[in-house]
C-alpha atoms as a PDB file:
ATOM      1  CA  UNK A   1      -7.589  -5.453   3.156  1.00  0.00           C
ATOM      2  CA  UNK A   2      -6.455  -4.416   6.390  1.00  0.00           C
ATOM      3  CA  UNK A   3      -5.526  -0.861   6.986  1.00  0.00           C
ATOM      4  CA  UNK A   4      -1.842  -1.458   7.029  1.00  0.00           C
ATOM      5  CA  UNK A   5      -1.734  -3.472   3.830  1.00  0.00           C
ATOM      6  CA  UNK A   6      -3.682  -0.548   2.254  1.00  0.00           C
ATOM      7  CA  UNK A   7      -1.443   2.169   3.473  1.00  0.00           C
ATOM      8  CA  UNK A   8       1.191  -0.165   2.351  1.00  0.00           C
ATOM      9  CA  UNK A   9      -0.341  -0.604  -1.231  1.00  0.00           C
ATOM     10  CA  UNK A  10      -0.960   3.134  -1.797  1.00  0.00           C
ATOM     11  CA  UNK A  11       2.924   4.137  -0.935  1.00  0.00           C
ATOM     12  CA  UNK A  12       3.816   1.704  -3.419  1.00  0.00           C
ATOM     13  CA  UNK A  13       1.997   2.656  -6.411  1.00  0.00           C
ATOM     14  CA  UNK A  14       2.404   7.061  -5.339  1.00  0.00           C
ATOM     15  CA  UNK A  15       6.291   5.743  -5.239  1.00  0.00           C
ATOM     16  CA  UNK A  16       6.083   3.790  -8.390  1.00  0.00           C
ATOM     17  CA  UNK A  17       3.888   6.346 -10.331  1.00  0.00           C
ATOM     18  CA  UNK A  18       6.275   9.628  -8.961  1.00  0.00           C
ATOM     19  CA  UNK A  19       9.481   7.284  -9.800  1.00  0.00           C
ATOM     20  CA  UNK A  20       8.920   6.553 -13.011  1.00  0.00           C
ATOM     21  CA  UNK A  21       7.506   8.618 -15.119  1.00  0.00           C
ATOM     22  CA  UNK A  22       5.199   6.901 -18.366  1.00  0.00           C
ATOM     23  CA  UNK A  23       5.101   8.933 -21.037  1.00  0.00           C
ATOM     24  CA  UNK A  24       8.108  10.986 -21.060  1.00  0.00           C
ATOM     25  CA  UNK A  25      11.937  10.887 -22.246  1.00  0.00           C
ATOM     26  CA  UNK A  26      15.212  10.876 -20.628  1.00  0.00           C
ATOM     27  CA  UNK A  27      15.628  13.927 -23.180  1.00  0.00           C
ATOM     28  CA  UNK A  28      12.585  15.344 -21.940  1.00  0.00           C
ATOM     29  CA  UNK A  29      13.102  14.831 -18.029  1.00  0.00           C
ATOM     30  CA  UNK A  30      16.783  15.753 -18.118  1.00  0.00           C
ATOM     31  CA  UNK A  31      16.801  18.879 -20.929  1.00  0.00           C
ATOM     32  CA  UNK A  32      20.421  20.377 -21.887  1.00  0.00           C
ATOM     33  CA  UNK A  33      22.097  17.575 -20.069  1.00  0.00           C
ATOM     34  CA  UNK A  34      24.583  14.633 -21.763  1.00  0.00           C
ATOM     35  CA  UNK A  35      24.699  11.384 -19.502  1.00  0.00           C
ATOM     36  CA  UNK A  36      27.679  10.732 -17.922  1.00  0.00           C
ATOM     37  CA  UNK A  37      27.528   7.260 -19.709  1.00  0.00           C
ATOM     38  CA  UNK A  38      26.493   5.052 -21.593  1.00  0.00           C
ATOM     39  CA  UNK A  39      22.783   3.451 -20.232  1.00  0.00           C
ATOM     40  CA  UNK A  40      23.082   0.291 -18.006  1.00  0.00           C
ATOM     41  CA  UNK A  41      20.615  -2.632 -19.069  1.00  0.00           C
ATOM     42  CA  UNK A  42      19.250  -4.568 -15.790  1.00  0.00           C
ATOM     43  CA  UNK A  43      17.398  -7.466 -16.932  1.00  0.00           C
ATOM     44  CA  UNK A  44      15.582  -9.435 -14.153  1.00  0.00           C
ATOM     45  CA  UNK A  45      15.309 -12.902 -14.255  1.00  0.00           C
ATOM     46  CA  UNK A  46      11.404 -12.740 -13.829  1.00  0.00           C
ATOM     47  CA  UNK A  47       9.331 -16.065 -15.613  1.00  0.00           C
ATOM     48  CA  UNK A  48       6.171 -16.278 -13.369  1.00  0.00           C
ATOM     49  CA  UNK A  49       4.079 -13.451 -12.191  1.00  0.00           C
ATOM     50  CA  UNK A  50       4.854 -14.040  -8.551  1.00  0.00           C
ATOM     51  CA  UNK A  51       8.494 -13.255  -9.512  1.00  0.00           C
ATOM     52  CA  UNK A  52       7.482  -9.505  -9.942  1.00  0.00           C
ATOM     53  CA  UNK A  53       6.436  -8.829  -6.395  1.00  0.00           C
ATOM     54  CA  UNK A  54      10.106  -7.256  -6.238  1.00  0.00           C
ATOM     55  CA  UNK A  55      10.251  -5.651  -9.522  1.00  0.00           C
ATOM     56  CA  UNK A  56      10.579  -1.553  -9.234  1.00  0.00           C
ATOM     57  CA  UNK A  57       7.603  -1.428 -11.789  1.00  0.00           C
ATOM     58  CA  UNK A  58       5.101  -4.508 -10.928  1.00  0.00           C
ATOM     59  CA  UNK A  59       3.142  -3.708 -13.260  1.00  0.00           C
ATOM     60  CA  UNK A  60       5.219  -3.693 -16.332  1.00  0.00           C
ATOM     61  CA  UNK A  61       6.607  -6.990 -15.243  1.00  0.00           C
ATOM     62  CA  UNK A  62       3.351  -8.660 -15.362  1.00  0.00           C
ATOM     63  CA  UNK A  63       2.835  -7.403 -18.428  1.00  0.00           C
ATOM     64  CA  UNK A  64       5.975  -8.728 -19.868  1.00  0.00           C
ATOM     65  CA  UNK A  65       5.888 -11.892 -18.123  1.00  0.00           C
ATOM     66  CA  UNK A  66       2.335 -12.321 -19.664  1.00  0.00           C
ATOM     67  CA  UNK A  67       4.130 -11.939 -23.023  1.00  0.00           C
ATOM     68  CA  UNK A  68       6.600 -14.629 -22.512  1.00  0.00           C
ATOM     69  CA  UNK A  69       9.454 -11.892 -21.429  1.00  0.00           C
ATOM     70  CA  UNK A  70      11.427 -10.709 -19.189  1.00  0.00           C
ATOM     71  CA  UNK A  71      10.741  -7.301 -17.305  1.00  0.00           C
ATOM     72  CA  UNK A  72      14.152  -5.246 -17.701  1.00  0.00           C
ATOM     73  CA  UNK A  73      15.110  -1.908 -16.709  1.00  0.00           C
ATOM     74  CA  UNK A  74      17.277   0.694 -18.891  1.00  0.00           C
ATOM     75  CA  UNK A  75      19.017   3.225 -16.432  1.00  0.00           C
ATOM     76  CA  UNK A  76      20.519   6.184 -17.843  1.00  0.00           C
ATOM     77  CA  UNK A  77      22.478   8.713 -16.143  1.00  0.00           C
ATOM     78  CA  UNK A  78      22.947  11.873 -15.837  1.00  0.00           C
ATOM     79  CA  UNK A  79      24.718  14.598 -13.259  1.00  0.00           C
ATOM     80  CA  UNK A  80      21.165  15.642 -11.755  1.00  0.00           C
ATOM     81  CA  UNK A  81      19.683  12.157 -11.680  1.00  0.00           C
ATOM     82  CA  UNK A  82      18.814   9.195 -12.640  1.00  0.00           C
ATOM     83  CA  UNK A  83      16.156   7.784 -15.257  1.00  0.00           C
ATOM     84  CA  UNK A  84      15.081   4.671 -15.764  1.00  0.00           C
ATOM     85  CA  UNK A  85      12.964   3.071 -18.256  1.00  0.00           C
ATOM     86  CA  UNK A  86      10.854  -0.354 -18.091  1.00  0.00           C
ATOM     87  CA  UNK A  87      10.107  -2.512 -20.549  1.00  0.00           C
ATOM     88  CA  UNK A  88      10.843  -6.217 -21.351  1.00  0.00           C
ATOM     89  CA  UNK A  89      13.880  -8.177 -22.794  1.00  0.00           C
ATOM     90  CA  UNK A  90      13.595 -10.960 -25.188  1.00  0.00           C
ATOM     91  CA  UNK A  91      17.416 -12.411 -26.718  1.00  0.00           C
ATOM     92  CA  UNK A  92      15.453 -12.200 -30.291  1.00  0.00           C
ATOM     93  CA  UNK A  93      13.976  -8.194 -29.833  1.00  0.00           C
ATOM     94  CA  UNK A  94      16.493  -7.167 -26.485  1.00  0.00           C
ATOM     95  CA  UNK A  95      14.928  -4.665 -24.601  1.00  0.00           C
ATOM     96  CA  UNK A  96      12.008  -2.373 -25.481  1.00  0.00           C
ATOM     97  CA  UNK A  97       9.350  -0.432 -24.387  1.00  0.00           C
ATOM     98  CA  UNK A  98       5.623  -1.645 -24.006  1.00  0.00           C
ATOM     99  CA  UNK A  99       2.808   1.149 -25.224  1.00  0.00           C
ATOM    100  CA  UNK A 100       0.894   2.398 -22.501  1.00  0.00           C
ATOM    101  CA  UNK A 101      -2.858   2.280 -22.751  1.00  0.00           C
END
């Protein structure tokens, strides 16, 4: 792997980890704040592993696609910022989070 690709890969992994906490919740991240609106559910049309390249959490996307679900985000809007939950979506189950190993 070239040095350039290593730098990009480490940036993507680091920004993904910093951007979306794995074991947190909106209430923990934004204590004593009330959401400004209902959460937005964004379901992305990923059906193949190759389509996970552009997902914010490609690791979650790959897990969803390998289980025959679609990658989705539930975005909470707080006065001091956004909180994104990354999980899967199916017509039967709706949005659900994947348990972290």
